[in-house]
Amino acid sequence: MGLRRPGERGAMLRRGNFGRAARWPETVVKAGLPVGFHFHDLRHTGNQLAANSGATTRELMHRMGHGSMRAAIIYQHASTERDRRIADEMGAMVERERRPRPAVERRGDRTSEDG
């Protein structure tokens, strides 16, 4: 059984009666969200955060139940914050490679402990 919940009169909540049953406009105000915030905006925000945290397109497709990459890509907006994190990580990778390595690491696997 799915995660469905009946409305006040016992009928299943649907797009047409959700707003009234959930008192959505009041809920939006109480939550401090902007006027005009839609329920679907929660899905978009959650998946945008997942994309920004590094979720792959395949992972986003799984989270959202999408069967196509096209639908998942909608949530992968470019952002200045994400661009900064990518640049920082690339810089860290370069710095790790530039650091001198201990002599044992430089020799690689050519030597063994047995001699």
C-alpha atoms as a PDB file:
ATOM      1  CA  MET A   1       0.000   0.000   0.000  1.00  0.00           C
ATOM      2  CA  GLY A   2       1.289   3.462  -0.876  1.00  0.00           C
ATOM      3  CA  LEU A   3       1.739   6.420   1.417  1.00  0.00           C
ATOM      4  CA  ARG A   4      -1.690   7.842   0.740  1.00  0.00           C
ATOM      5  CA  ARG A   5      -3.807   9.518   3.292  1.00  0.00           C
ATOM      6  CA  PRO A   6      -7.527  10.208   3.050  1.00  0.00           C
ATOM      7  CA  GLY A   7      -8.863  13.731   3.290  1.00  0.00           C
ATOM      8  CA  GLU A   8     -11.416  14.944   5.821  1.00  0.00           C
ATOM      9  CA  ARG A   9     -14.326  13.193   4.086  1.00  0.00           C
ATOM     10  CA  GLY A  10     -12.437   9.926   3.544  1.00  0.00           C
ATOM     11  CA  ALA A  11     -11.599  10.520  -0.124  1.00  0.00           C
ATOM     12  CA  MET A  12      -7.997  10.244  -1.273  1.00  0.00           C
ATOM     13  CA  LEU A  13      -6.119  13.497  -1.554  1.00  0.00           C
ATOM     14  CA  ARG A  14      -5.682  14.572  -5.129  1.00  0.00           C
ATOM     15  CA  ARG A  15      -4.288  17.590  -6.879  1.00  0.00           C
ATOM     16  CA  GLY A  16      -7.721  19.236  -6.852  1.00  0.00           C
ATOM     17  CA  ASN A  17      -8.406  18.870  -3.112  1.00  0.00           C
ATOM     18  CA  PHE A  18      -4.917  18.820  -1.574  1.00  0.00           C
ATOM     19  CA  GLY A  19      -4.650  22.585  -1.099  1.00  0.00           C
ATOM     20  CA  ARG A  20      -7.897  22.800   0.858  1.00  0.00           C
ATOM     21  CA  ALA A  21      -7.342  19.624   2.872  1.00  0.00           C
ATOM     22  CA  ALA A  22      -3.798  20.578   3.863  1.00  0.00           C
ATOM     23  CA  ARG A  23      -4.702  24.247   4.286  1.00  0.00           C
ATOM     24  CA  TRP A  24      -1.701  24.831   2.074  1.00  0.00           C
ATOM     25  CA  PRO A  25      -1.749  28.666   1.933  1.00  0.00           C
ATOM     26  CA  GLU A  26      -1.850  28.839   5.760  1.00  0.00           C
ATOM     27  CA  THR A  27       0.847  26.185   6.048  1.00  0.00           C
ATOM     28  CA  VAL A  28       3.108  28.123   3.670  1.00  0.00           C
ATOM     29  CA  VAL A  29       2.762  31.295   5.765  1.00  0.00           C
ATOM     30  CA  LYS A  30       3.372  29.416   9.053  1.00  0.00           C
ATOM     31  CA  ALA A  31       6.497  27.808   7.605  1.00  0.00           C
ATOM     32  CA  GLY A  32       7.830  31.209   6.551  1.00  0.00           C
ATOM     33  CA  LEU A  33       7.882  30.249   2.875  1.00  0.00           C
ATOM     34  CA  PRO A  34       7.214  32.782   0.131  1.00  0.00           C
ATOM     35  CA  VAL A  35       3.607  33.379  -0.891  1.00  0.00           C
ATOM     36  CA  GLY A  36       2.872  31.283  -3.952  1.00  0.00           C
ATOM     37  CA  PHE A  37       5.114  28.421  -2.841  1.00  0.00           C
ATOM     38  CA  HIS A  38       3.744  25.179  -4.282  1.00  0.00           C
ATOM     39  CA  PHE A  39       3.948  21.684  -2.829  1.00  0.00           C
ATOM     40  CA  HIS A  40       5.934  20.552  -5.882  1.00  0.00           C
ATOM     41  CA  ASP A  41       8.529  23.217  -5.031  1.00  0.00           C
ATOM     42  CA  LEU A  42       9.531  20.996  -2.087  1.00  0.00           C
ATOM     43  CA  ARG A  43      10.419  18.205  -4.527  1.00  0.00           C
ATOM     44  CA  HIS A  44      12.340  20.597  -6.730  1.00  0.00           C
ATOM     45  CA  THR A  45      14.261  22.049  -3.781  1.00  0.00           C
ATOM     46  CA  GLY A  46      15.131  18.628  -2.362  1.00  0.00           C
ATOM     47  CA  ASN A  47      16.379  17.341  -5.674  1.00  0.00           C
ATOM     48  CA  GLN A  48      18.289  20.546  -6.394  1.00  0.00           C
ATOM     49  CA  LEU A  49      20.055  20.122  -3.036  1.00  0.00           C
ATOM     50  CA  ALA A  50      20.832  16.487  -3.911  1.00  0.00           C
ATOM     51  CA  ALA A  51      22.270  17.575  -7.270  1.00  0.00           C
ATOM     52  CA  ASN A  52      24.347  20.314  -5.619  1.00  0.00           C
ATOM     53  CA  SER A  53      25.716  17.842  -3.096  1.00  0.00           C
ATOM     54  CA  GLY A  54      27.106  15.756  -5.938  1.00  0.00           C
ATOM     55  CA  ALA A  55      24.358  13.246  -6.781  1.00  0.00           C
ATOM     56  CA  THR A  56      24.849  11.786 -10.233  1.00  0.00           C
ATOM     57  CA  THR A  57      22.155  11.938 -12.880  1.00  0.00           C
ATOM     58  CA  ARG A  58      21.448   8.224 -12.296  1.00  0.00           C
ATOM     59  CA  GLU A  59      21.079   8.848  -8.543  1.00  0.00           C
ATOM     60  CA  LEU A  60      18.687  11.727  -9.172  1.00  0.00           C
ATOM     61  CA  MET A  61      16.667   9.547 -11.543  1.00  0.00           C
ATOM     62  CA  HIS A  62      16.382   6.925  -8.814  1.00  0.00           C
ATOM     63  CA  ARG A  63      15.401   9.445  -6.108  1.00  0.00           C
ATOM     64  CA  MET A  64      12.704  10.984  -8.293  1.00  0.00           C
ATOM     65  CA  GLY A  65      11.460   7.851  -9.996  1.00  0.00           C
ATOM     66  CA  HIS A  66      12.285   9.247 -13.432  1.00  0.00           C
ATOM     67  CA  GLY A  67      12.960   6.920 -16.331  1.00  0.00           C
ATOM     68  CA  SER A  68      14.750   9.460 -18.497  1.00  0.00           C
ATOM     69  CA  MET A  69      17.873  11.540 -18.053  1.00  0.00           C
ATOM     70  CA  ARG A  70      16.063  14.535 -19.545  1.00  0.00           C
ATOM     71  CA  ALA A  71      13.711  14.766 -16.573  1.00  0.00           C
ATOM     72  CA  ALA A  72      16.529  14.427 -14.016  1.00  0.00           C
ATOM     73  CA  ILE A  73      18.697  17.073 -15.686  1.00  0.00           C
ATOM     74  CA  ILE A  74      16.031  19.688 -14.895  1.00  0.00           C
ATOM     75  CA  TYR A  75      17.266  19.585 -11.292  1.00  0.00           C
ATOM     76  CA  GLN A  76      20.934  19.994 -12.143  1.00  0.00           C
ATOM     77  CA  HIS A  77      21.130  23.762 -12.318  1.00  0.00           C
ATOM     78  CA  ALA A  78      24.528  25.332 -12.498  1.00  0.00           C
ATOM     79  CA  SER A  79      25.200  27.472  -9.468  1.00  0.00           C
ATOM     80  CA  THR A  80      28.001  29.719  -8.338  1.00  0.00           C
ATOM     81  CA  GLU A  81      28.254  27.820  -5.042  1.00  0.00           C
ATOM     82  CA  ARG A  82      28.581  24.452  -6.757  1.00  0.00           C
ATOM     83  CA  ASP A  83      31.061  25.894  -9.265  1.00  0.00           C
ATOM     84  CA  ARG A  84      33.173  27.166  -6.360  1.00  0.00           C
ATOM     85  CA  ARG A  85      33.128  23.738  -4.681  1.00  0.00           C
ATOM     86  CA  ILE A  86      34.145  22.033  -7.929  1.00  0.00           C
ATOM     87  CA  ALA A  87      37.011  24.491  -8.414  1.00  0.00           C
ATOM     88  CA  ASP A  88      38.128  24.056  -4.786  1.00  0.00           C
ATOM     89  CA  GLU A  89      38.150  20.264  -5.113  1.00  0.00           C
ATOM     90  CA  MET A  90      40.066  20.437  -8.389  1.00  0.00           C
ATOM     91  CA  GLY A  91      42.632  22.706  -6.730  1.00  0.00           C
ATOM     92  CA  ALA A  92      42.949  20.298  -3.797  1.00  0.00           C
ATOM     93  CA  MET A  93      43.498  17.384  -6.202  1.00  0.00           C
ATOM     94  CA  VAL A  94      46.284  19.283  -7.979  1.00  0.00           C
ATOM     95  CA  GLU A  95      47.924  20.195  -4.666  1.00  0.00           C
ATOM     96  CA  ARG A  96      47.837  16.570  -3.470  1.00  0.00           C
ATOM     97  CA  GLU A  97      49.584  15.479  -6.664  1.00  0.00           C
ATOM     98  CA  ARG A  98      52.219  18.227  -6.378  1.00  0.00           C
ATOM     99  CA  ARG A  99      53.270  17.284  -2.838  1.00  0.00           C
ATOM    100  CA  PRO A 100      56.518  15.344  -2.602  1.00  0.00           C
ATOM    101  CA  ARG A 101      55.881  11.705  -1.822  1.00  0.00           C
ATOM    102  CA  PRO A 102      57.944   9.618   0.588  1.00  0.00           C
ATOM    103  CA  ALA A 103      60.744   7.579  -1.055  1.00  0.00           C
ATOM    104  CA  VAL A 104      58.877   4.301  -0.507  1.00  0.00           C
ATOM    105  CA  GLU A 105      55.851   5.591  -2.432  1.00  0.00           C
ATOM    106  CA  ARG A 106      57.999   6.879  -5.327  1.00  0.00           C
ATOM    107  CA  ARG A 107      59.592   3.466  -5.869  1.00  0.00           C
ATOM    108  CA  GLY A 108      56.174   1.961  -6.352  1.00  0.00           C
ATOM    109  CA  ASP A 109      55.682  -1.787  -6.220  1.00  0.00           C
ATOM    110  CA  ARG A 110      59.163  -2.725  -7.517  1.00  0.00           C
ATOM    111  CA  THR A 111      60.437  -3.602  -4.064  1.00  0.00           C
ATOM    112  CA  SER A 112      59.034  -6.066  -1.610  1.00  0.00           C
ATOM    113  CA  GLU A 113      59.535  -6.505   2.061  1.00  0.00           C
ATOM    114  CA  ASP A 114      61.107  -9.931   1.450  1.00  0.00           C
ATOM    115  CA  GLY A 115      63.952  -8.398  -0.509  1.00  0.00           C
END
